[in-house]
């Protein structure tokens, strides 16, 4: 077992500005931690620093309580699974999985036992004599995972391992990885992806990374937390817009009333007033803000509009029928589109006017600098 600790970690190339800034992070033993973020945010660079494939420019990186800044990759007790599989084409599945153990001069009997056990777990027993060219993409990735398993590392590192697979294989292999983590509960996992589904379904902890100028302003980490914490309680507009698909709707407005139960926001361009259950103690009347509400939290109102505290009336510009549910695109005064998720059997038509309620507990509020206004402690997550 091995915990991972990063304190003040930075990475720069030459005299250029750091690509990884001010990373403070603790990954516990047995924890499944996912690095998530847009392209170019440094996810893979941070992973490679843990692996020992990139140097740490500043700060301390520890594995199992030992600072490893200057420790070679082979001596860190980690195993890495790459996006490209990185299998030797001239070796069989068995030989690929056994290669690292042979280099370590392990006894032949031990090598065979570990390879056979990994093959059984990964359902590769019938493929041990095949060469990589005779395998599917999913099978090759399982071989790469098996090569890591036989080393019995304290830390598993995955660098976008499913990105080369089709949608069906991604789903199957994602389930395999989740199952393996439960089976090998003694190892910590650090997993890089840009896919929210992978992050939300696999992670105990998500580390969402900034990119571009936000990195210079706030550091590389936007928010750390459990998947549902980032979904229900984003600490900034960036996090709110990145977590969730389709993304959160953002509506500009101004504060028009404040009390102990929340804040009233009057929307620009429509003068509709929305009630939001947030702590308004740091806000002022007339202050410009942005209201956020997820498509799945907008409720189609089909009768008795008066029962709802806050509603939005919009013209339907497009309906995406997906079977069980549909995504409704609504014209947004002032430009842009508002998206709502409705049941697949909803009786609505393109071009008609529709009314949607935004429950007070489902709305978020962001100040001009992009930070979230704290939800009232008495308000539970809206589900």
Protein backbone atom coordinates (compact mmCIF):
# COMPACT_ATOMS: atom_id res chain seq x y z
CA UNK A 1 0.00 0.00 0.00
CA UNK A 2 1.22 3.51 -0.78
CA UNK A 3 -0.21 6.97 -0.30
CA UNK A 4 0.85 9.85 -2.56
CA UNK A 5 1.55 13.39 -1.41
CA UNK A 6 2.30 16.46 -3.52
CA UNK A 7 3.26 19.68 -1.72
CA UNK A 8 3.82 22.88 -3.67
CA UNK A 9 4.63 20.86 -6.79
CA UNK A 10 5.41 22.74 -9.98
CA UNK A 11 6.68 21.79 -13.43
CA UNK A 12 8.36 24.11 -15.91
CA UNK A 13 10.37 23.46 -19.05
CA UNK A 14 13.47 25.62 -19.21
CA UNK A 15 12.79 29.28 -18.53
CA UNK A 16 9.17 29.04 -19.64
CA UNK A 17 6.24 29.63 -17.31
CA UNK A 18 5.21 26.56 -15.26
CA UNK A 19 2.74 24.19 -16.89
CA UNK A 20 1.89 22.74 -13.46
CA UNK A 21 1.45 25.31 -10.69
CA UNK A 22 1.14 25.07 -6.91
CA UNK A 23 -0.25 21.54 -6.64
CA UNK A 24 -1.08 20.44 -3.10
CA UNK A 25 -2.69 17.02 -3.15
CA UNK A 26 -3.07 13.97 -0.91
CA UNK A 27 -4.07 10.61 -2.41
CA UNK A 28 -4.76 8.01 0.24
CA UNK A 29 -4.02 4.31 0.32
CA UNK A 30 -6.59 2.29 -1.65
CA UNK A 31 -8.03 5.48 -3.15
CA UNK A 32 -9.08 5.78 -6.81
CA UNK A 33 -8.14 9.32 -7.84
CA UNK A 34 -8.98 10.70 -11.28
CA UNK A 35 -7.21 13.65 -12.90
CA UNK A 36 -9.84 15.36 -15.07
CA UNK A 37 -9.70 18.49 -17.16
CA UNK A 38 -9.62 20.01 -20.65
CA UNK A 39 -6.92 19.25 -23.19
CA UNK A 40 -3.61 20.89 -22.35
CA UNK A 41 -4.30 21.32 -18.62
CA UNK A 42 -1.37 19.11 -17.58
CA UNK A 43 -3.17 15.91 -16.51
CA UNK A 44 -0.68 13.55 -18.16
CA UNK A 45 2.29 15.70 -17.14
CA UNK A 46 1.24 15.46 -13.49
CA UNK A 47 0.80 11.70 -13.81
CA UNK A 48 4.22 11.32 -15.43
CA UNK A 49 5.77 13.28 -12.56
CA UNK A 50 4.34 10.73 -10.12
CA UNK A 51 5.66 7.93 -12.34
CA UNK A 52 9.14 9.45 -12.45
CA UNK A 53 9.02 10.07 -16.21
CA UNK A 54 9.08 13.85 -15.68
CA UNK A 55 11.21 15.76 -13.18
CA UNK A 56 9.67 17.90 -10.44
CA UNK A 57 10.78 21.52 -10.91
CA UNK A 58 9.74 22.64 -7.43
CA UNK A 59 8.02 21.17 -4.37
CA UNK A 60 8.01 17.70 -2.84
CA UNK A 61 6.50 14.50 -4.23
CA UNK A 62 6.19 11.60 -1.80
CA UNK A 63 5.06 7.99 -2.27
CA UNK A 64 4.49 5.87 0.81
CA UNK A 65 5.92 8.62 3.02
CA UNK A 66 9.21 8.76 1.08
CA UNK A 67 10.19 11.82 -0.97
CA UNK A 68 10.85 10.49 -4.48
CA UNK A 69 11.80 13.65 -6.41
CA UNK A 70 15.16 12.10 -7.32
CA UNK A 71 14.18 8.42 -7.20
CA UNK A 72 14.26 6.62 -10.59
CA UNK A 73 10.94 5.46 -12.01
CA UNK A 74 11.86 1.78 -11.60
CA UNK A 75 12.38 2.22 -7.85
CA UNK A 76 9.14 4.04 -7.01
CA UNK A 77 6.89 0.99 -6.66
CA UNK A 78 4.47 2.20 -9.35
CA UNK A 79 3.16 0.57 -12.53
CA UNK A 80 1.86 2.57 -15.47
CA UNK A 81 -0.68 1.66 -18.16
CA UNK A 82 -0.32 3.81 -21.27
CA UNK A 83 -2.87 5.01 -23.80
CA UNK A 84 -0.98 3.28 -26.62
CA UNK A 85 -0.75 -0.14 -24.85
CA UNK A 86 3.06 -0.18 -25.48
CA UNK A 87 3.17 -3.95 -26.08
CA UNK A 88 6.13 -5.67 -27.73
CA UNK A 89 4.77 -6.87 -31.10
CA UNK A 90 7.19 -9.80 -31.41
CA UNK A 91 6.29 -11.22 -27.98
CA UNK A 92 3.30 -13.31 -27.01
CA UNK A 93 0.75 -12.15 -24.44
CA UNK A 94 2.49 -14.30 -21.84
CA UNK A 95 5.92 -12.87 -22.69
CA UNK A 96 4.64 -9.30 -22.60
CA UNK A 97 3.13 -9.81 -19.17
CA UNK A 98 6.23 -11.60 -17.86
CA UNK A 99 8.79 -9.16 -19.29
CA UNK A 100 9.14 -6.87 -16.28
CA UNK A 101 9.43 -9.81 -13.88
CA UNK A 102 12.16 -11.36 -16.02
CA UNK A 103 14.09 -8.09 -15.98
CA UNK A 104 13.80 -8.13 -12.18
CA UNK A 105 15.25 -11.67 -12.25
CA UNK A 106 12.28 -13.22 -10.46
CA UNK A 107 12.20 -17.05 -10.24
CA UNK A 108 10.53 -18.77 -13.18
CA UNK A 109 7.91 -20.42 -10.98
CA UNK A 110 6.96 -17.07 -9.43
CA UNK A 111 6.71 -15.46 -12.87
CA UNK A 112 4.45 -18.21 -14.15
CA UNK A 113 2.23 -18.06 -11.08
CA UNK A 114 1.76 -14.29 -11.30
CA UNK A 115 1.15 -14.26 -15.06
CA UNK A 116 -1.37 -17.11 -14.86
CA UNK A 117 -3.20 -15.41 -11.99
CA UNK A 118 -3.37 -12.08 -13.82
CA UNK A 119 -4.53 -13.84 -16.99
CA UNK A 120 -7.31 -15.52 -15.03
CA UNK A 121 -8.48 -12.26 -13.48
CA UNK A 122 -8.45 -10.49 -16.86
CA UNK A 123 -9.92 -13.43 -18.79
CA UNK A 124 -6.82 -13.73 -20.97
CA UNK A 125 -6.03 -17.40 -20.30
CA UNK A 126 -6.97 -18.51 -23.83
CA UNK A 127 -4.88 -15.74 -25.39
CA UNK A 128 -1.50 -16.23 -23.70
CA UNK A 129 0.16 -17.66 -26.82
CA UNK A 130 -1.12 -14.97 -29.20
CA UNK A 131 0.84 -11.96 -30.48
CA UNK A 132 -0.61 -8.46 -30.00
CA UNK A 133 -1.53 -8.17 -33.70
CA UNK A 134 -4.02 -11.03 -33.21
CA UNK A 135 -5.86 -9.20 -30.40
CA UNK A 136 -8.64 -6.64 -30.35
CA UNK A 137 -8.07 -3.21 -28.86
CA UNK A 138 -9.82 -4.19 -25.65
CA UNK A 139 -7.75 -7.36 -25.33
CA UNK A 140 -4.51 -5.42 -25.87
CA UNK A 141 -5.47 -3.00 -23.15
CA UNK A 142 -6.18 -5.88 -20.78
CA UNK A 143 -2.72 -7.28 -21.54
CA UNK A 144 -1.22 -3.88 -20.68
CA UNK A 145 -3.16 -3.88 -17.41
CA UNK A 146 -2.02 -7.45 -16.74
CA UNK A 147 1.59 -6.44 -17.22
CA UNK A 148 1.07 -3.86 -14.48
CA UNK A 149 -0.78 -6.25 -12.16
CA UNK A 150 1.96 -8.89 -12.08
CA UNK A 151 4.37 -6.36 -10.60
CA UNK A 152 2.07 -6.00 -7.56
CA UNK A 153 2.79 -2.26 -7.25
CA UNK A 154 1.63 0.01 -4.46
CA UNK A 155 0.35 2.50 -7.06
CA UNK A 156 -1.32 1.96 -10.44
CA UNK A 157 -1.09 4.84 -12.94
CA UNK A 158 -3.44 4.95 -15.94
CA UNK A 159 -2.88 7.51 -18.72
CA UNK A 160 -6.16 7.72 -20.70
CA UNK A 161 -6.21 3.92 -21.13
CA UNK A 162 -9.60 3.79 -22.89
CA UNK A 163 -9.25 6.60 -25.42
CA UNK A 164 -8.30 4.28 -28.30
CA UNK A 165 -11.32 2.01 -27.80
CA UNK A 166 -14.77 2.29 -29.35
CA UNK A 167 -17.73 3.25 -27.17
CA UNK A 168 -18.80 -0.33 -26.39
CA UNK A 169 -15.29 -1.47 -25.45
CA UNK A 170 -14.77 1.68 -23.35
CA UNK A 171 -17.81 0.80 -21.30
CA UNK A 172 -16.77 -2.82 -20.86
CA UNK A 173 -13.17 -2.01 -19.98
CA UNK A 174 -14.25 0.73 -17.57
CA UNK A 175 -16.26 -1.86 -15.66
CA UNK A 176 -13.24 -4.19 -15.66
CA UNK A 177 -11.02 -1.47 -14.18
CA UNK A 178 -13.57 -0.70 -11.47
CA UNK A 179 -13.82 -4.41 -10.64
CA UNK A 180 -10.04 -4.77 -10.55
CA UNK A 181 -9.69 -1.88 -8.13
CA UNK A 182 -12.07 -3.55 -5.71
CA UNK A 183 -10.20 -6.83 -6.12
CA UNK A 184 -6.79 -5.22 -5.59
CA UNK A 185 -7.91 -2.99 -2.74
CA UNK A 186 -4.36 -2.68 -1.43
CA UNK A 187 -3.25 -0.46 -4.31
CA UNK A 188 -3.91 3.22 -4.94
CA UNK A 189 -4.96 4.24 -8.45
CA UNK A 190 -4.29 7.51 -10.27
CA UNK A 191 -6.22 7.72 -13.52
CA UNK A 192 -6.05 10.41 -16.22
CA UNK A 193 -9.02 11.07 -18.48
CA UNK A 194 -10.90 13.85 -20.24
CA UNK A 195 -14.08 11.73 -20.19
CA UNK A 196 -16.55 12.77 -17.51
CA UNK A 197 -18.33 9.41 -17.53
CA UNK A 198 -15.09 7.62 -16.65
CA UNK A 199 -14.32 10.16 -13.94
CA UNK A 200 -17.78 10.15 -12.35
CA UNK A 201 -18.19 6.37 -12.36
CA UNK A 202 -14.67 5.30 -11.35
CA UNK A 203 -13.38 7.94 -8.94
CA UNK A 204 -13.41 8.10 -5.18
CA UNK A 205 -11.83 11.53 -5.66
CA UNK A 206 -11.69 13.81 -8.71
CA UNK A 207 -8.94 16.39 -9.18
CA UNK A 208 -10.25 18.87 -11.74
CA UNK A 209 -7.46 20.87 -13.36
CA UNK A 210 -7.50 24.37 -14.82
CA UNK A 211 -5.96 25.28 -18.15
CA UNK A 212 -4.66 28.42 -19.82
CA UNK A 213 -4.74 31.72 -17.96
CA UNK A 214 -6.79 30.25 -15.11
CA UNK A 215 -3.71 28.21 -14.19
CA UNK A 216 -1.64 31.39 -13.85
CA UNK A 217 -4.33 33.05 -11.75
CA UNK A 218 -5.54 30.25 -9.49
CA UNK A 219 -2.99 27.42 -9.78
CA UNK A 220 -3.47 24.13 -11.60
CA UNK A 221 -6.19 22.65 -9.39
CA UNK A 222 -9.71 24.00 -9.80
CA UNK A 223 -11.40 21.73 -7.25
CA UNK A 224 -10.82 18.43 -5.45
CA UNK A 225 -13.68 16.30 -4.20
CA UNK A 226 -15.93 13.29 -4.59
CA UNK A 227 -17.74 13.14 -7.97
CA UNK A 228 -21.13 14.18 -6.59
CA UNK A 229 -19.53 16.97 -4.56
CA UNK A 230 -18.19 18.57 -7.74
CA UNK A 231 -21.55 18.03 -9.44
CA UNK A 232 -23.74 19.42 -6.65
CA UNK A 233 -21.34 21.92 -5.09
CA UNK A 234 -18.99 23.37 -7.75
CA UNK A 235 -16.78 26.07 -6.28
CA UNK A 236 -16.58 28.10 -9.49
CA UNK A 237 -18.26 28.68 -12.82
CA UNK A 238 -15.41 26.77 -14.49
CA UNK A 239 -16.13 23.64 -12.44
CA UNK A 240 -19.89 24.00 -12.90
CA UNK A 241 -19.49 24.30 -16.66
CA UNK A 242 -17.07 21.41 -16.96
CA UNK A 243 -18.88 18.83 -14.83
CA UNK A 244 -22.15 17.67 -16.36
CA UNK A 245 -23.34 16.92 -19.89
CA UNK A 246 -24.93 18.90 -21.40
CA UNK A 247 -23.15 21.66 -19.54
CA UNK A 248 -24.84 23.88 -16.98
CA UNK A 249 -26.92 26.77 -18.33
CA UNK A 250 -25.62 30.23 -17.37
CA UNK A 251 -27.95 33.25 -17.24
CA UNK A 252 -26.69 36.78 -16.49
CA UNK A 253 -28.63 38.93 -14.07
CA UNK A 254 -28.52 41.24 -11.03
CA UNK A 255 -29.27 40.82 -7.35
CA UNK A 256 -32.63 42.41 -6.55
CA UNK A 257 -33.42 41.09 -3.06
CA UNK A 258 -31.61 39.44 -0.14
CA UNK A 259 -32.85 37.70 2.99
CA UNK A 260 -32.02 34.81 5.29
CA UNK A 261 -33.71 32.30 2.97
CA UNK A 262 -31.79 33.22 -0.17
CA UNK A 263 -31.30 35.69 -2.98
CA UNK A 264 -33.58 37.00 -5.75
CA UNK A 265 -31.91 37.50 -9.13
CA UNK A 266 -33.59 39.37 -11.97
CA UNK A 267 -32.38 38.09 -15.32
CA UNK A 268 -31.03 40.41 -17.96
CA UNK A 269 -33.11 40.78 -21.16
CA UNK A 270 -36.28 39.16 -19.71
CA UNK A 271 -36.72 40.66 -16.21
CA UNK A 272 -37.76 37.23 -14.91
CA UNK A 273 -36.96 36.90 -11.20
CA UNK A 274 -35.41 33.69 -9.90
CA UNK A 275 -35.05 32.64 -6.27
CA UNK A 276 -31.77 30.94 -5.27
CA UNK A 277 -31.03 29.32 -1.90
CA UNK A 278 -27.57 30.76 -1.29
CA UNK A 279 -25.94 32.81 1.45
CA UNK A 280 -26.24 36.38 0.25
CA UNK A 281 -24.29 37.95 3.12
CA UNK A 282 -21.40 38.84 0.80
CA UNK A 283 -23.65 40.26 -1.95
CA UNK A 284 -25.20 43.67 -2.51
CA UNK A 285 -28.37 44.79 -4.22
CA UNK A 286 -27.82 45.54 -7.90
CA UNK A 287 -24.64 43.45 -8.05
CA UNK A 288 -24.16 41.64 -11.39
CA UNK A 289 -24.15 37.85 -11.01
CA UNK A 290 -24.65 34.73 -13.10
CA UNK A 291 -27.34 32.18 -12.33
CA UNK A 292 -26.56 28.56 -13.15
CA UNK A 293 -29.02 25.71 -13.57
CA UNK A 294 -28.43 22.27 -15.07
CA UNK A 295 -30.59 21.02 -17.97
CA UNK A 296 -31.78 18.04 -15.88
CA UNK A 297 -33.02 20.37 -13.14
CA UNK A 298 -35.30 22.46 -15.35
CA UNK A 299 -38.82 21.06 -15.01
CA UNK A 300 -41.31 21.30 -17.87
CA UNK A 301 -44.49 22.93 -16.52
CA UNK A 302 -47.61 21.47 -18.13
CA UNK A 303 -50.25 22.82 -15.74
CA UNK A 304 -50.82 25.34 -12.95
CA UNK A 305 -47.81 27.61 -13.40
CA UNK A 306 -48.76 29.41 -10.17
CA UNK A 307 -47.52 26.45 -8.11
CA UNK A 308 -43.93 27.32 -9.00
CA UNK A 309 -41.93 30.12 -7.42
CA UNK A 310 -39.75 30.84 -10.46
CA UNK A 311 -40.30 30.00 -14.12
CA UNK A 312 -38.69 30.64 -17.48
CA UNK A 313 -40.78 31.02 -20.64
CA UNK A 314 -38.95 30.35 -23.89
CA UNK A 315 -39.48 29.37 -27.53
CA UNK A 316 -38.36 25.86 -28.47
CA UNK A 317 -35.82 26.00 -31.31
CA UNK A 318 -34.78 22.34 -31.46
CA UNK A 319 -35.63 19.00 -29.85
CA UNK A 320 -33.10 16.15 -29.66
CA UNK A 321 -35.07 12.94 -29.22
CA UNK A 322 -32.94 10.29 -27.47
CA UNK A 323 -35.63 7.80 -26.49
CA UNK A 324 -36.01 7.79 -22.71
CA UNK A 325 -35.42 11.54 -22.62
CA UNK A 326 -35.06 14.52 -24.95
CA UNK A 327 -32.91 17.64 -24.90
CA UNK A 328 -34.89 20.77 -25.63
CA UNK A 329 -33.01 23.78 -26.98
CA UNK A 330 -34.66 27.08 -26.04
CA UNK A 331 -34.04 30.48 -27.58
CA UNK A 332 -32.31 32.73 -25.10
CA UNK A 333 -33.00 36.51 -25.30
CA UNK A 334 -29.72 38.36 -25.66
CA UNK A 335 -28.14 35.43 -27.50
CA UNK A 336 -27.25 31.85 -26.74
CA UNK A 337 -29.30 28.76 -26.02
CA UNK A 338 -30.89 27.35 -22.88
CA UNK A 339 -31.07 23.53 -22.74
CA UNK A 340 -33.59 21.51 -20.73
CA UNK A 341 -33.85 17.75 -20.29
CA UNK A 342 -37.41 16.41 -20.49
CA UNK A 343 -39.01 12.94 -20.57
CA UNK A 344 -38.96 11.33 -24.00
CA UNK A 345 -42.77 11.25 -24.12
CA UNK A 346 -43.18 14.97 -23.37
CA UNK A 347 -45.77 16.57 -25.66
CA UNK A 348 -43.90 19.55 -27.01
CA UNK A 349 -43.20 20.82 -30.51
CA UNK A 350 -40.51 22.92 -32.12
CA UNK A 351 -41.57 26.57 -32.38
CA UNK A 352 -43.99 26.57 -29.47
CA UNK A 353 -43.60 28.50 -26.24
CA UNK A 354 -42.91 26.40 -23.18
CA UNK A 355 -42.61 27.11 -19.47
CA UNK A 356 -39.88 25.61 -17.28
CA UNK A 357 -39.55 25.83 -13.50
CA UNK A 358 -36.17 26.22 -11.84
CA UNK A 359 -36.44 24.85 -8.26
CA UNK A 360 -34.80 27.11 -5.70
CA UNK A 361 -32.55 24.33 -4.41
CA UNK A 362 -31.32 23.42 -7.90
CA UNK A 363 -29.91 26.82 -8.85
CA UNK A 364 -26.35 28.04 -8.39
CA UNK A 365 -25.03 31.60 -8.24
CA UNK A 366 -21.66 32.93 -9.38
CA UNK A 367 -20.07 36.34 -8.87
CA UNK A 368 -18.35 38.33 -11.63
CA UNK A 369 -14.98 36.78 -10.80
CA UNK A 370 -16.41 33.32 -11.44
CA UNK A 371 -16.57 32.02 -7.87
CA UNK A 372 -19.65 30.25 -6.51
CA UNK A 373 -21.77 31.86 -3.81
CA UNK A 374 -22.05 29.42 -0.91
CA UNK A 375 -25.27 27.44 -0.72
CA UNK A 376 -27.25 27.78 2.49
CA UNK A 377 -26.32 25.08 4.99
CA UNK A 378 -30.00 24.24 5.43
CA UNK A 379 -30.34 23.40 1.73
CA UNK A 380 -29.64 19.80 0.81
CA UNK A 381 -28.44 18.65 -2.59
CA UNK A 382 -31.14 18.79 -5.22
CA UNK A 383 -31.61 15.33 -6.75
